[in-house]
């Protein structure tokens, strides 16, 4: 809305989508980022070669990771 770029990468190649998938951010923030980011953001690799989906899988927060994977699947299905 205000010109924020979801594909902007920091010094380690992380986008806000990477960070949302990797961290334990609140559900509404996670959903906002996933619902408003272009699908191409899901394929961006950070400097370690990881995509946002890779980071969910590799997350050390096992329960949060499974929960986020389920939510990501549902949100992507909604995007069509």
C-alpha atoms as a PDB file:
ATOM      1  CA  UNK A   1       0.000   0.000   0.000  1.00  0.00           C
ATOM      2  CA  UNK A   2       2.744   2.435   0.936  1.00  0.00           C
ATOM      3  CA  UNK A   3       5.378   1.107  -1.418  1.00  0.00           C
ATOM      4  CA  UNK A   4       6.832  -1.597   0.825  1.00  0.00           C
ATOM      5  CA  UNK A   5       8.635  -4.272  -1.164  1.00  0.00           C
ATOM      6  CA  UNK A   6       8.133  -7.836  -0.017  1.00  0.00           C
ATOM      7  CA  UNK A   7      11.060  -8.958  -2.188  1.00  0.00           C
ATOM      8  CA  UNK A   8      13.593  -6.627  -0.522  1.00  0.00           C
ATOM      9  CA  UNK A   9      16.515  -8.677   0.798  1.00  0.00           C
ATOM     10  CA  UNK A  10      18.680  -7.743   3.770  1.00  0.00           C
ATOM     11  CA  UNK A  11      22.452  -8.363   3.972  1.00  0.00           C
ATOM     12  CA  UNK A  12      21.891 -12.092   4.474  1.00  0.00           C
ATOM     13  CA  UNK A  13      19.383 -12.377   1.641  1.00  0.00           C
ATOM     14  CA  UNK A  14      16.362 -12.617   3.925  1.00  0.00           C
ATOM     15  CA  UNK A  15      13.047 -11.086   2.847  1.00  0.00           C
ATOM     16  CA  UNK A  16      10.174 -10.331   5.207  1.00  0.00           C
ATOM     17  CA  UNK A  17       8.647 -13.599   3.965  1.00  0.00           C
ATOM     18  CA  UNK A  18      11.758 -15.525   5.096  1.00  0.00           C
ATOM     19  CA  UNK A  19      11.618 -13.829   8.489  1.00  0.00           C
ATOM     20  CA  UNK A  20       7.881 -14.447   8.883  1.00  0.00           C
ATOM     21  CA  UNK A  21       8.319 -18.129   8.088  1.00  0.00           C
ATOM     22  CA  UNK A  22      11.352 -18.538  10.323  1.00  0.00           C
ATOM     23  CA  UNK A  23      10.200 -16.665  13.397  1.00  0.00           C
ATOM     24  CA  UNK A  24       7.353 -17.039  15.816  1.00  0.00           C
ATOM     25  CA  UNK A  25       5.616 -13.809  14.824  1.00  0.00           C
ATOM     26  CA  UNK A  26       1.959 -13.341  15.647  1.00  0.00           C
ATOM     27  CA  UNK A  27      -0.534 -15.043  13.336  1.00  0.00           C
ATOM     28  CA  UNK A  28      -2.115 -11.813  12.021  1.00  0.00           C
ATOM     29  CA  UNK A  29       1.303 -10.466  10.986  1.00  0.00           C
ATOM     30  CA  UNK A  30       2.222 -13.787   9.372  1.00  0.00           C
ATOM     31  CA  UNK A  31      -1.074 -13.878   7.470  1.00  0.00           C
ATOM     32  CA  UNK A  32      -0.702 -10.251   6.336  1.00  0.00           C
ATOM     33  CA  UNK A  33       2.754 -10.923   4.920  1.00  0.00           C
ATOM     34  CA  UNK A  34       1.740 -14.156   3.185  1.00  0.00           C
ATOM     35  CA  UNK A  35      -1.531 -12.740   1.825  1.00  0.00           C
ATOM     36  CA  UNK A  36       0.101  -9.598   0.446  1.00  0.00           C
ATOM     37  CA  UNK A  37       3.416 -10.883  -0.888  1.00  0.00           C
ATOM     38  CA  UNK A  38       3.730 -11.982  -4.508  1.00  0.00           C
ATOM     39  CA  UNK A  39       4.104 -15.712  -5.121  1.00  0.00           C
ATOM     40  CA  UNK A  40       7.588 -15.073  -6.519  1.00  0.00           C
ATOM     41  CA  UNK A  41       8.750 -14.238  -2.978  1.00  0.00           C
ATOM     42  CA  UNK A  42       8.346 -17.896  -2.033  1.00  0.00           C
ATOM     43  CA  UNK A  43      11.145 -18.813  -4.457  1.00  0.00           C
ATOM     44  CA  UNK A  44      13.707 -16.231  -3.340  1.00  0.00           C
ATOM     45  CA  UNK A  45      16.754 -17.863  -1.783  1.00  0.00           C
ATOM     46  CA  UNK A  46      18.753 -16.280   1.009  1.00  0.00           C
ATOM     47  CA  UNK A  47      22.570 -16.389   1.101  1.00  0.00           C
ATOM     48  CA  UNK A  48      22.422 -19.876   2.614  1.00  0.00           C
ATOM     49  CA  UNK A  49      20.279 -21.055  -0.305  1.00  0.00           C
ATOM     50  CA  UNK A  50      17.067 -21.332   1.708  1.00  0.00           C
ATOM     51  CA  UNK A  51      13.602 -20.367   0.534  1.00  0.00           C
ATOM     52  CA  UNK A  52      10.897 -19.312   3.016  1.00  0.00           C
ATOM     53  CA  UNK A  53       9.425 -22.823   2.870  1.00  0.00           C
ATOM     54  CA  UNK A  54      12.857 -24.308   3.632  1.00  0.00           C
ATOM     55  CA  UNK A  55      13.065 -22.102   6.707  1.00  0.00           C
ATOM     56  CA  UNK A  56       9.716 -23.340   8.001  1.00  0.00           C
ATOM     57  CA  UNK A  57      10.914 -26.908   7.587  1.00  0.00           C
ATOM     58  CA  UNK A  58      14.271 -26.227   9.242  1.00  0.00           C
ATOM     59  CA  UNK A  59      12.845 -24.150  12.078  1.00  0.00           C
ATOM     60  CA  UNK A  60      13.966 -25.176  15.536  1.00  0.00           C
ATOM     61  CA  UNK A  61      10.480 -24.509  16.874  1.00  0.00           C
ATOM     62  CA  UNK A  62       8.989 -27.855  15.870  1.00  0.00           C
ATOM     63  CA  UNK A  63       5.396 -27.204  16.899  1.00  0.00           C
ATOM     64  CA  UNK A  64       5.392 -23.654  15.564  1.00  0.00           C
ATOM     65  CA  UNK A  65       7.040 -24.939  12.423  1.00  0.00           C
ATOM     66  CA  UNK A  66       4.312 -27.523  11.776  1.00  0.00           C
ATOM     67  CA  UNK A  67       1.654 -24.938  12.539  1.00  0.00           C
ATOM     68  CA  UNK A  68       3.222 -22.446  10.130  1.00  0.00           C
ATOM     69  CA  UNK A  69       3.557 -25.097   7.429  1.00  0.00           C
ATOM     70  CA  UNK A  70      -0.163 -25.880   7.740  1.00  0.00           C
ATOM     71  CA  UNK A  71      -1.037 -22.173   7.640  1.00  0.00           C
ATOM     72  CA  UNK A  72       1.241 -21.531   4.677  1.00  0.00           C
ATOM     73  CA  UNK A  73      -0.414 -24.395   2.803  1.00  0.00           C
ATOM     74  CA  UNK A  74      -3.887 -23.003   3.537  1.00  0.00           C
ATOM     75  CA  UNK A  75      -2.908 -19.457   2.607  1.00  0.00           C
ATOM     76  CA  UNK A  76      -1.296 -20.527  -0.664  1.00  0.00           C
ATOM     77  CA  UNK A  77      -4.361 -22.594  -1.532  1.00  0.00           C
ATOM     78  CA  UNK A  78      -6.515 -19.503  -0.943  1.00  0.00           C
ATOM     79  CA  UNK A  79      -4.348 -17.460  -3.301  1.00  0.00           C
ATOM     80  CA  UNK A  80      -5.212 -19.918  -6.059  1.00  0.00           C
END
